[in-house]
PDB file of N, CA and C in Angstrom:
ATOM      1  N   UNK A   1      -2.762-131.695-102.356  1.00  0.00           N
ATOM      2  CA  UNK A   1      -4.483-130.888-102.472  1.00  0.00           C
ATOM      3  C   UNK A   1      -5.246-132.299-103.727  1.00  0.00           C
ATOM      4  N   UNK A   2      -6.496-132.399-102.420  1.00  0.00           N
ATOM      5  CA  UNK A   2      -7.284-133.745-103.107  1.00  0.00           C
ATOM      6  C   UNK A   2      -7.862-133.223-104.282  1.00  0.00           C
ATOM      7  N   UNK A   3      -8.043-134.379-105.064  1.00  0.00           N
ATOM      8  CA  UNK A   3      -9.130-133.611-106.232  1.00  0.00           C
ATOM      9  C   UNK A   3     -10.810-134.800-105.825  1.00  0.00           C
ATOM     10  N   UNK A   4     -11.663-133.542-105.491  1.00  0.00           N
ATOM     11  CA  UNK A   4     -12.538-134.270-105.328  1.00  0.00           C
ATOM     12  C   UNK A   4     -13.802-134.108-106.257  1.00  0.00           C
ATOM     13  N   UNK A   5     -14.068-135.108-106.861  1.00  0.00           N
ATOM     14  CA  UNK A   5     -14.884-135.458-107.798  1.00  0.00           C
ATOM     15  C   UNK A   5     -16.211-135.091-108.073  1.00  0.00           C
ATOM     16  N   UNK A   6     -17.345-135.209-108.858  1.00  0.00           N
ATOM     17  CA  UNK A   6     -18.674-134.033-108.925  1.00  0.00           C
ATOM     18  C   UNK A   6     -19.239-135.572-107.704  1.00  0.00           C
ATOM     19  N   UNK A   7     -19.070-137.005-107.894  1.00  0.00           N
ATOM     20  CA  UNK A   7     -19.621-137.986-106.884  1.00  0.00           C
ATOM     21  C   UNK A   7     -19.095-137.176-105.285  1.00  0.00           C
ATOM     22  N   UNK A   8     -18.456-136.536-104.984  1.00  0.00           N
ATOM     23  CA  UNK A   8     -18.205-137.123-104.036  1.00  0.00           C
ATOM     24  C   UNK A   8     -18.547-135.487-102.737  1.00  0.00           C
ATOM     25  N   UNK A   9     -18.809-134.095-103.939  1.00  0.00           N
ATOM     26  CA  UNK A   9     -18.546-133.257-103.561  1.00  0.00           C
ATOM     27  C   UNK A   9     -20.787-133.054-104.330  1.00  0.00           C
ATOM     28  N   UNK A  10     -21.004-133.804-103.951  1.00  0.00           N
ATOM     29  CA  UNK A  10     -22.321-134.362-104.346  1.00  0.00           C
ATOM     30  C   UNK A  10     -22.879-135.176-102.884  1.00  0.00           C
ATOM     31  N   UNK A  11     -21.539-135.898-102.868  1.00  0.00           N
ATOM     32  CA  UNK A  11     -22.503-136.525-101.629  1.00  0.00           C
ATOM     33  C   UNK A  11     -22.387-136.222-100.364  1.00  0.00           C
ATOM     34  N   UNK A  12     -21.350-135.156 -99.664  1.00  0.00           N
ATOM     35  CA  UNK A  12     -20.799-134.184 -98.979  1.00  0.00           C
ATOM     36  C   UNK A  12     -22.091-133.117 -98.552  1.00  0.00           C
ATOM     37  N   UNK A  13     -22.482-132.564-100.075  1.00  0.00           N
ATOM     38  CA  UNK A  13     -23.580-131.371 -99.844  1.00  0.00           C
ATOM     39  C   UNK A  13     -24.752-131.888 -99.464  1.00  0.00           C
ATOM     40  N   UNK A  14     -25.409-133.542 -99.591  1.00  0.00           N
ATOM     41  CA  UNK A  14     -26.526-133.776 -99.616  1.00  0.00           C
ATOM     42  C   UNK A  14     -26.308-134.881 -97.652  1.00  0.00           C
ATOM     43  N   UNK A  15     -25.533-135.113 -97.772  1.00  0.00           N
ATOM     44  CA  UNK A  15     -24.823-135.246 -96.088  1.00  0.00           C
ATOM     45  C   UNK A  15     -24.184-134.775 -95.044  1.00  0.00           C
ATOM     46  N   UNK A  16     -24.339-134.096 -95.031  1.00  0.00           N
ATOM     47  CA  UNK A  16     -23.288-132.709 -94.310  1.00  0.00           C
ATOM     48  C   UNK A  16     -23.777-132.300 -92.679  1.00  0.00           C
ATOM     49  N   UNK A  17     -25.067-132.967 -93.175  1.00  0.00           N
ATOM     50  CA  UNK A  17     -26.175-132.504 -92.086  1.00  0.00           C
ATOM     51  C   UNK A  17     -25.256-134.055 -91.070  1.00  0.00           C
ATOM     52  N   UNK A  18     -25.484-134.209 -91.268  1.00  0.00           N
ATOM     53  CA  UNK A  18     -24.460-136.163 -90.322  1.00  0.00           C
ATOM     54  C   UNK A  18     -23.762-135.507 -89.562  1.00  0.00           C
ATOM     55  N   UNK A  19     -22.513-134.725 -89.853  1.00  0.00           N
ATOM     56  CA  UNK A  19     -21.940-133.920 -88.733  1.00  0.00           C
ATOM     57  C   UNK A  19     -21.779-132.715 -88.735  1.00  0.00           C
ATOM     58  N   UNK A  20     -22.930-131.829 -89.061  1.00  0.00           N
ATOM     59  CA  UNK A  20     -22.364-130.670 -89.123  1.00  0.00           C
ATOM     60  C   UNK A  20     -24.152-129.654 -88.572  1.00  0.00           C
ATOM     61  N   UNK A  21     -24.140-129.382 -87.322  1.00  0.00           N
ATOM     62  CA  UNK A  21     -25.664-128.472 -87.145  1.00  0.00           C
ATOM     63  C   UNK A  21     -26.530-128.198 -88.011  1.00  0.00           C
ATOM     64  N   UNK A  22     -25.626-127.813 -89.160  1.00  0.00           N
ATOM     65  CA  UNK A  22     -26.001-126.560 -89.570  1.00  0.00           C
ATOM     66  C   UNK A  22     -24.907-126.345 -91.438  1.00  0.00           C
ATOM     67  N   UNK A  23     -25.800-126.654 -92.217  1.00  0.00           N
ATOM     68  CA  UNK A  23     -24.635-127.162 -93.713  1.00  0.00           C
ATOM     69  C   UNK A  23     -23.998-125.710 -94.354  1.00  0.00           C
ATOM     70  N   UNK A  24     -22.862-126.386 -94.590  1.00  0.00           N
ATOM     71  CA  UNK A  24     -21.147-125.010 -94.385  1.00  0.00           C
ATOM     72  C   UNK A  24     -20.918-125.550 -95.491  1.00  0.00           C
ATOM     73  N   UNK A  25     -22.229-125.635 -96.688  1.00  0.00           N
ATOM     74  CA  UNK A  25     -21.995-125.120 -98.345  1.00  0.00           C
ATOM     75  C   UNK A  25     -22.941-125.230 -98.533  1.00  0.00           C
ATOM     76  N   UNK A  26     -23.064-124.937-100.080  1.00  0.00           N
ATOM     77  CA  UNK A  26     -24.161-124.746-100.487  1.00  0.00           C
ATOM     78  C   UNK A  26     -24.513-125.290-101.852  1.00  0.00           C
ATOM     79  N   UNK A  27     -22.914-125.099-102.509  1.00  0.00           N
ATOM     80  CA  UNK A  27     -22.874-124.622-104.388  1.00  0.00           C
ATOM     81  C   UNK A  27     -21.535-126.149-104.206  1.00  0.00           C
ATOM     82  N   UNK A  28     -21.163-126.872-105.016  1.00  0.00           N
ATOM     83  CA  UNK A  28     -19.864-127.802-105.528  1.00  0.00           C
ATOM     84  C   UNK A  28     -18.872-127.129-104.788  1.00  0.00           C
ATOM     85  N   UNK A  29     -18.818-126.061-105.298  1.00  0.00           N
ATOM     86  CA  UNK A  29     -17.845-125.105-105.442  1.00  0.00           C
ATOM     87  C   UNK A  29     -17.242-124.918-103.764  1.00  0.00           C
ATOM     88  N   UNK A  30     -18.030-124.636-102.956  1.00  0.00           N
ATOM     89  CA  UNK A  30     -18.049-124.155-101.215  1.00  0.00           C
ATOM     90  C   UNK A  30     -17.480-125.358-100.334  1.00  0.00           C
ATOM     91  N   UNK A  31     -18.074-126.874-101.352  1.00  0.00           N
ATOM     92  CA  UNK A  31     -18.108-127.832-100.673  1.00  0.00           C
ATOM     93  C   UNK A  31     -16.625-128.245-100.671  1.00  0.00           C
ATOM     94  N   UNK A  32     -15.719-128.109-102.782  1.00  0.00           N
ATOM     95  CA  UNK A  32     -14.666-127.891-102.652  1.00  0.00           C
ATOM     96  C   UNK A  32     -13.804-127.540-101.799  1.00  0.00           C
ATOM     97  N   UNK A  33     -14.376-126.094-101.407  1.00  0.00           N
ATOM     98  CA  UNK A  33     -12.670-125.085-100.585  1.00  0.00           C
ATOM     99  C   UNK A  33     -13.095-125.637 -99.716  1.00  0.00           C
ATOM    100  N   UNK A  34     -14.139-126.101 -99.165  1.00  0.00           N
ATOM    101  CA  UNK A  34     -14.424-127.050 -97.516  1.00  0.00           C
ATOM    102  C   UNK A  34     -13.388-127.914 -97.123  1.00  0.00           C
ATOM    103  N   UNK A  35     -14.091-129.026 -97.864  1.00  0.00           N
ATOM    104  CA  UNK A  35     -13.293-130.436 -97.900  1.00  0.00           C
ATOM    105  C   UNK A  35     -11.122-129.902 -97.882  1.00  0.00           C
ATOM    106  N   UNK A  36     -10.858-129.076 -98.965  1.00  0.00           N
ATOM    107  CA  UNK A  36      -9.545-128.694 -98.839  1.00  0.00           C
ATOM    108  C   UNK A  36      -8.888-128.551 -97.908  1.00  0.00           C
ATOM    109  N   UNK A  37      -9.953-126.989 -97.193  1.00  0.00           N
ATOM    110  CA  UNK A  37      -9.897-126.609 -95.774  1.00  0.00           C
ATOM    111  C   UNK A  37      -9.343-127.581 -94.750  1.00  0.00           C
ATOM    112  N   UNK A  38     -10.403-128.669 -94.606  1.00  0.00           N
ATOM    113  CA  UNK A  38     -10.390-129.881 -92.967  1.00  0.00           C
ATOM    114  C   UNK A  38      -9.707-130.754 -94.345  1.00  0.00           C
ATOM    115  N   UNK A  39      -8.882-130.957 -95.370  1.00  0.00           N
ATOM    116  CA  UNK A  39      -7.780-132.014 -95.584  1.00  0.00           C
ATOM    117  C   UNK A  39      -8.416-133.353 -95.468  1.00  0.00           C
ATOM    118  N   UNK A  40     -10.623-133.055 -96.018  1.00  0.00           N
ATOM    119  CA  UNK A  40     -10.680-134.054 -96.378  1.00  0.00           C
ATOM    120  C   UNK A  40     -10.477-135.100 -97.260  1.00  0.00           C
ATOM    121  N   UNK A  41     -10.602-136.512 -96.861  1.00  0.00           N
ATOM    122  CA  UNK A  41     -10.094-137.650 -97.222  1.00  0.00           C
ATOM    123  C   UNK A  41     -10.877-138.602 -97.844  1.00  0.00           C
ATOM    124  N   UNK A  42     -10.632-139.204 -98.915  1.00  0.00           N
ATOM    125  CA  UNK A  42     -11.334-139.785 -99.843  1.00  0.00           C
ATOM    126  C   UNK A  42     -10.775-141.280-100.042  1.00  0.00           C
ATOM    127  N   UNK A  43     -11.166-142.325 -98.952  1.00  0.00           N
ATOM    128  CA  UNK A  43     -11.208-143.761 -98.380  1.00  0.00           C
ATOM    129  C   UNK A  43     -11.248-144.365-100.204  1.00  0.00           C
ATOM    130  N   UNK A  44     -10.631-145.247-100.558  1.00  0.00           N
ATOM    131  CA  UNK A  44     -11.102-146.346-102.346  1.00  0.00           C
ATOM    132  C   UNK A  44     -12.100-147.246-101.678  1.00  0.00           C
ATOM    133  N   UNK A  45     -11.548-147.925 -99.798  1.00  0.00           N
ATOM    134  CA  UNK A  45     -12.471-149.141 -99.583  1.00  0.00           C
ATOM    135  C   UNK A  45     -12.561-149.002 -97.794  1.00  0.00           C
ATOM    136  N   UNK A  46     -13.309-149.987 -97.484  1.00  0.00           N
ATOM    137  CA  UNK A  46     -13.598-150.091 -96.082  1.00  0.00           C
ATOM    138  C   UNK A  46     -12.046-150.516 -95.237  1.00  0.00           C
ATOM    139  N   UNK A  47     -11.218-150.916 -96.294  1.00  0.00           N
ATOM    140  CA  UNK A  47      -9.955-151.209 -95.618  1.00  0.00           C
ATOM    141  C   UNK A  47      -9.142-149.539 -95.708  1.00  0.00           C
ATOM    142  N   UNK A  48      -9.320-148.968 -96.254  1.00  0.00           N
ATOM    143  CA  UNK A  48      -8.870-147.506 -95.833  1.00  0.00           C
ATOM    144  C   UNK A  48      -9.031-146.809 -95.068  1.00  0.00           C
ATOM    145  N   UNK A  49     -10.669-147.090 -95.719  1.00  0.00           N
ATOM    146  CA  UNK A  49     -11.684-146.163 -93.975  1.00  0.00           C
ATOM    147  C   UNK A  49     -10.523-146.262 -92.505  1.00  0.00           C
ATOM    148  N   UNK A  50     -10.841-147.682 -92.299  1.00  0.00           N
ATOM    149  CA  UNK A  50     -10.144-148.163 -90.903  1.00  0.00           C
ATOM    150  C   UNK A  50      -8.607-148.201 -90.485  1.00  0.00           C
ATOM    151  N   UNK A  51      -7.651-148.269 -91.726  1.00  0.00           N
ATOM    152  CA  UNK A  51      -7.190-147.657 -91.914  1.00  0.00           C
ATOM    153  C   UNK A  51      -6.002-146.384 -91.452  1.00  0.00           C
ATOM    154  N   UNK A  52      -7.013-145.315 -91.988  1.00  0.00           N
ATOM    155  CA  UNK A  52      -6.828-143.989 -91.896  1.00  0.00           C
ATOM    156  C   UNK A  52      -7.155-143.630 -90.084  1.00  0.00           C
ATOM    157  N   UNK A  53      -8.187-143.897 -89.932  1.00  0.00           N
ATOM    158  CA  UNK A  53      -8.461-143.863 -88.341  1.00  0.00           C
ATOM    159  C   UNK A  53      -7.636-144.832 -87.865  1.00  0.00           C
ATOM    160  N   UNK A  54      -6.667-145.582 -88.129  1.00  0.00           N
ATOM    161  CA  UNK A  54      -6.177-146.394 -87.093  1.00  0.00           C
ATOM    162  C   UNK A  54      -4.801-145.656 -86.960  1.00  0.00           C
ATOM    163  N   UNK A  55      -4.356-144.743 -88.305  1.00  0.00           N
ATOM    164  CA  UNK A  55      -2.929-143.920 -88.583  1.00  0.00           C
ATOM    165  C   UNK A  55      -3.128-142.667 -87.313  1.00  0.00           C
ATOM    166  N   UNK A  56      -5.010-142.644 -87.839  1.00  0.00           N
ATOM    167  CA  UNK A  56      -4.613-141.145 -86.617  1.00  0.00           C
ATOM    168  C   UNK A  56      -4.524-141.597 -85.986  1.00  0.00           C
ATOM    169  N   UNK A  57      -4.500-142.411 -84.940  1.00  0.00           N
ATOM    170  CA  UNK A  57      -4.916-143.086 -83.702  1.00  0.00           C
ATOM    171  C   UNK A  57      -5.741-142.842 -82.578  1.00  0.00           C
ATOM    172  N   UNK A  58      -6.743-143.456 -83.779  1.00  0.00           N
ATOM    173  CA  UNK A  58      -8.140-143.568 -82.890  1.00  0.00           C
ATOM    174  C   UNK A  58      -8.519-145.226 -82.730  1.00  0.00           C
ATOM    175  N   UNK A  59      -8.512-145.238 -81.352  1.00  0.00           N
ATOM    176  CA  UNK A  59      -8.526-146.543 -80.687  1.00  0.00           C
ATOM    177  C   UNK A  59     -10.030-147.316 -82.038  1.00  0.00           C
ATOM    178  N   UNK A  60      -9.765-148.567 -82.802  1.00  0.00           N
ATOM    179  CA  UNK A  60     -10.753-149.558 -82.785  1.00  0.00           C
ATOM    180  C   UNK A  60     -10.976-150.615 -82.303  1.00  0.00           C
ATOM    181  N   UNK A  61      -9.950-150.705 -81.311  1.00  0.00           N
ATOM    182  CA  UNK A  61     -10.367-151.977 -80.171  1.00  0.00           C
ATOM    183  C   UNK A  61     -11.828-152.020 -80.218  1.00  0.00           C
ATOM    184  N   UNK A  62     -12.656-153.624 -80.369  1.00  0.00           N
ATOM    185  CA  UNK A  62     -13.636-153.930 -80.177  1.00  0.00           C
ATOM    186  C   UNK A  62     -14.611-153.639 -81.816  1.00  0.00           C
ATOM    187  N   UNK A  63     -13.821-152.189 -81.750  1.00  0.00           N
ATOM    188  CA  UNK A  63     -14.336-151.756 -83.062  1.00  0.00           C
ATOM    189  C   UNK A  63     -14.627-152.625 -84.192  1.00  0.00           C
ATOM    190  N   UNK A  64     -16.248-152.858 -85.476  1.00  0.00           N
ATOM    191  CA  UNK A  64     -16.494-153.827 -86.502  1.00  0.00           C
ATOM    192  C   UNK A  64     -16.671-152.493 -87.735  1.00  0.00           C
ATOM    193  N   UNK A  65     -16.489-153.009 -88.666  1.00  0.00           N
ATOM    194  CA  UNK A  65     -16.606-152.359 -89.623  1.00  0.00           C
ATOM    195  C   UNK A  65     -18.294-151.055 -90.001  1.00  0.00           C
ATOM    196  N   UNK A  66     -19.262-151.932 -89.771  1.00  0.00           N
ATOM    197  CA  UNK A  66     -19.638-151.312 -89.552  1.00  0.00           C
ATOM    198  C   UNK A  66     -20.170-149.888 -88.643  1.00  0.00           C
ATOM    199  N   UNK A  67     -19.380-150.503 -87.452  1.00  0.00           N
ATOM    200  CA  UNK A  67     -19.100-149.044 -86.437  1.00  0.00           C
ATOM    201  C   UNK A  67     -18.895-148.128 -87.334  1.00  0.00           C
ATOM    202  N   UNK A  68     -17.200-148.125 -87.819  1.00  0.00           N
ATOM    203  CA  UNK A  68     -16.308-147.341 -88.066  1.00  0.00           C
ATOM    204  C   UNK A  68     -17.549-146.848 -89.703  1.00  0.00           C
ATOM    205  N   UNK A  69     -17.985-147.436 -90.321  1.00  0.00           N
ATOM    206  CA  UNK A  69     -18.790-146.658 -91.440  1.00  0.00           C
ATOM    207  C   UNK A  69     -19.742-146.372 -91.169  1.00  0.00           C
ATOM    208  N   UNK A  70     -20.379-145.824 -90.097  1.00  0.00           N
ATOM    209  CA  UNK A  70     -21.340-145.728 -89.386  1.00  0.00           C
ATOM    210  C   UNK A  70     -20.927-143.928 -88.653  1.00  0.00           C
ATOM    211  N   UNK A  71     -19.920-143.860 -88.028  1.00  0.00           N
ATOM    212  CA  UNK A  71     -19.114-142.515 -87.437  1.00  0.00           C
ATOM    213  C   UNK A  71     -19.532-141.524 -88.325  1.00  0.00           C
ATOM    214  N   UNK A  72     -20.002-140.081 -87.258  1.00  0.00           N
ATOM    215  CA  UNK A  72     -20.495-139.056 -88.316  1.00  0.00           C
ATOM    216  C   UNK A  72     -19.092-138.435 -89.434  1.00  0.00           C
ATOM    217  N   UNK A  73     -18.141-138.994 -89.123  1.00  0.00           N
ATOM    218  CA  UNK A  73     -17.195-138.284 -89.796  1.00  0.00           C
ATOM    219  C   UNK A  73     -16.888-138.764 -91.261  1.00  0.00           C
ATOM    220  N   UNK A  74     -17.468-140.133 -91.493  1.00  0.00           N
ATOM    221  CA  UNK A  74     -17.476-141.165 -92.679  1.00  0.00           C
ATOM    222  C   UNK A  74     -18.480-140.888 -93.804  1.00  0.00           C
ATOM    223  N   UNK A  75     -18.719-140.636 -94.314  1.00  0.00           N
ATOM    224  CA  UNK A  75     -19.577-140.588 -96.074  1.00  0.00           C
ATOM    225  C   UNK A  75     -19.516-141.566 -96.981  1.00  0.00           C
ATOM    226  N   UNK A  76     -20.803-142.031 -96.851  1.00  0.00           N
ATOM    227  CA  UNK A  76     -20.654-143.456 -98.014  1.00  0.00           C
ATOM    228  C   UNK A  76     -20.743-142.749 -98.947  1.00  0.00           C
ATOM    229  N   UNK A  77     -19.692-141.826-100.124  1.00  0.00           N
ATOM    230  CA  UNK A  77     -19.950-141.967-101.652  1.00  0.00           C
ATOM    231  C   UNK A  77     -21.113-142.752-102.785  1.00  0.00           C
ATOM    232  N   UNK A  78     -21.133-143.980-101.980  1.00  0.00           N
ATOM    233  CA  UNK A  78     -21.799-145.001-102.934  1.00  0.00           C
ATOM    234  C   UNK A  78     -21.743-145.522-103.793  1.00  0.00           C
ATOM    235  N   UNK A  79     -20.542-145.054-104.201  1.00  0.00           N
ATOM    236  CA  UNK A  79     -19.682-145.998-105.550  1.00  0.00           C
ATOM    237  C   UNK A  79     -18.238-146.812-104.835  1.00  0.00           C
ATOM    238  N   UNK A  80     -18.582-147.792-103.924  1.00  0.00           N
ATOM    239  CA  UNK A  80     -17.285-147.852-103.243  1.00  0.00           C
ATOM    240  C   UNK A  80     -16.340-147.234-101.997  1.00  0.00           C
ATOM    241  N   UNK A  81     -16.387-145.928-102.457  1.00  0.00           N
ATOM    242  CA  UNK A  81     -15.659-144.964-101.876  1.00  0.00           C
ATOM    243  C   UNK A  81     -16.231-144.521-100.639  1.00  0.00           C
ATOM    244  N   UNK A  82     -15.906-143.749 -99.950  1.00  0.00           N
ATOM    245  CA  UNK A  82     -15.820-142.904 -98.403  1.00  0.00           C
ATOM    246  C   UNK A  82     -15.052-142.105 -98.703  1.00  0.00           C
ATOM    247  N   UNK A  83     -15.737-141.009 -98.130  1.00  0.00           N
ATOM    248  CA  UNK A  83     -15.450-139.223 -97.031  1.00  0.00           C
ATOM    249  C   UNK A  83     -15.361-139.569 -96.421  1.00  0.00           C
ATOM    250  N   UNK A  84     -13.825-138.919 -95.252  1.00  0.00           N
ATOM    251  CA  UNK A  84     -13.572-138.980 -94.785  1.00  0.00           C
ATOM    252  C   UNK A  84     -13.208-136.869 -93.662  1.00  0.00           C
ATOM    253  N   UNK A  85     -14.745-136.591 -93.197  1.00  0.00           N
ATOM    254  CA  UNK A  85     -14.069-135.510 -92.706  1.00  0.00           C
ATOM    255  C   UNK A  85     -14.057-134.838 -91.558  1.00  0.00           C
ATOM    256  N   UNK A  86     -13.018-134.497 -91.190  1.00  0.00           N
ATOM    257  CA  UNK A  86     -12.581-134.697 -89.877  1.00  0.00           C
ATOM    258  C   UNK A  86     -13.279-132.887 -89.447  1.00  0.00           C
ATOM    259  N   UNK A  87     -14.556-133.114 -88.452  1.00  0.00           N
ATOM    260  CA  UNK A  87     -15.153-131.824 -87.814  1.00  0.00           C
ATOM    261  C   UNK A  87     -13.664-131.014 -87.472  1.00  0.00           C
TER     262      UNK A  87
END
């Protein structure tokens, strides 16, 4: 089970519309339950985000760091970490 701290939950609640057409969570508790259900990952760096996509079998050839970080599944928490949510 992943630990989603307040910063992660707040980020997801604020930015969830970048991935979903309508909100999937309205409270931190709902956000945490949703993130656990879809096994969202907190990456500690851009390199970890890149490695996650690489290990998931996503073709990164020709992609650059900016493209990866702008993917709808990637949420910038704002403290150097990134939340990856598979829709």
